[in-house]
Amino acid sequence: MVINKRKIILLLISAFILLLISAVSTSCMGMGPFSGSSDETDNQEIEVFEVQKGSIFQLVSTTGSVDSESLNTYTLQGSGGIVSALEKGDTFKEGDVLVEVDNSEGLLQLERIEKNLKLSEISMKAAKLNYQKALDANHITIQLADLNTEKAEESTESALDSLEDANEKGESSSISQAESSYKQALLSQSTTYWSNLSSLQSSEAQMESTRDNVNQAGIQLELARMDQESAKEDLDDYILYAPYKGIVISSDFEVGNQNGGNTISIISNNFLIDATIGEADISKISANDEAYITLDAYPDDQLLGEVEKIIPITIEDGNITSFEIIVKFNDVGDIKIYYGLSVSVDIVTEKAEDVLYVPIQAVYTENGKSYVDLLVSGQVDSENMEQAVNKVEVTTGINDYSYIEITSGLKEGDIIVTSRI
């Protein structure tokens, strides 16, 4: 729209200048604009243009369609009746429910698993309690063993002392009784040793067994917790939340039907443009280049955008090679954008701002140099045409479809001849 308005303004200015020069010529000659005085020049006219400043845009034009930044397709694995579902064309916000399936079966399964988890927690608690008891019993067994060993050793030492006393006294009856007591003490000490060893081994075995029970209960508890987490995650198979704000583009979920491999496809409402550029122009385009966008649905409105991405993979269509580009909108204002709308895009590959420019047809080339015809007189006829204009060499810059930049040779306000009829 910006470019089109500029062209219209320039044409209006040209028409005004033409009328002004016509008026001057008529007052001087009493005849039509820039006309000669003979019949053979009655139809001879020229078109002129006042050199002025403005902007020149060099464009690469293409077409495309409105696409979405995100497109996703989902299914739900949970089996059951479909409780709610958005339909094609429905809009949604991030976090809204897209589809929900009856999850009573999943809840029942979760309830069973949570009961098993409770039993596992009880088993774990009992196993830890038994292990603690085994530790306490082992500690007592060790203390008793030490005590019994100490007593047996004291008895043996006492019997040995009695035997030595009897030997010193030389009483045969006392010696015989002391020897018998000493042998009995040694036997008792040996019995105590083996009894202590057996008690300790039994206590350690019990302790080991209860420790194993704790480990086993821990594994069962961990598995029960994993089952619970899995069951909770399985509940996600019964409901689908929107990951972003967008629109449903297709869905075969219908409320009241059973879920079985149904799908729903959604897009975000962050719209962009998918277009193609021919291989001859792709080298002229870069990311972040400005773009003027016109939607076929709104031909009178021009939107601004920029090239977001160039996909460096060729697209072959018959004998035509092209590349896909992504153009984003900078601002759509109050215009309603719809997915799939056809679009025309003019990409600014080069521009010159606040420069002198003239109509492109006013510049002609001779011997490799560029010239324009500068109007120096308002009196023009077939006899004084060469005196009314001067051939001026100019240096040109970039051009669009209608105008070309003049970098030297002219100044603002000069009147040049654009065409002769």
Foldseek 3Di string as FASTA:
>chain_A
DVVVVVVVVQVVVQVVVQVVLQVVQCVVPVAGFQADDDPVRNPWDFGKGFWFWWKFFAWDKFKFWKAFPDKDKDAFPDKAFWADADFAFDWDFFFAWHTFGDCPVLVVQLVVLVVLLVVLVVLLVVLVVQLVVLVVQLVVLVVVLVVQLVVLVVQLVVLVVQLVVCVVVVDVVSNVVSVVSNVVSVVSNVVSNVVSVVSNVVSVVSNVVSVVSNVVSVVSNVVSVVSNVVSVVSSVSRIDGHNGTWGWRHWPRDGGDIGDGTMTMIGHPQMWTKIKDFPVCPVLDDWFFKKWKAFPVHNPDIFIWTWHDWDPDWDDDPPTIITITIIGGPDDDPDDGDGTTMMMMITGSDMDGGFIKDWPQQWDDDPRWIWGWWADDSNHYPVCPPVRTDIWTFDWDDHYPTMTGTPDGDDGRTMTTRDID
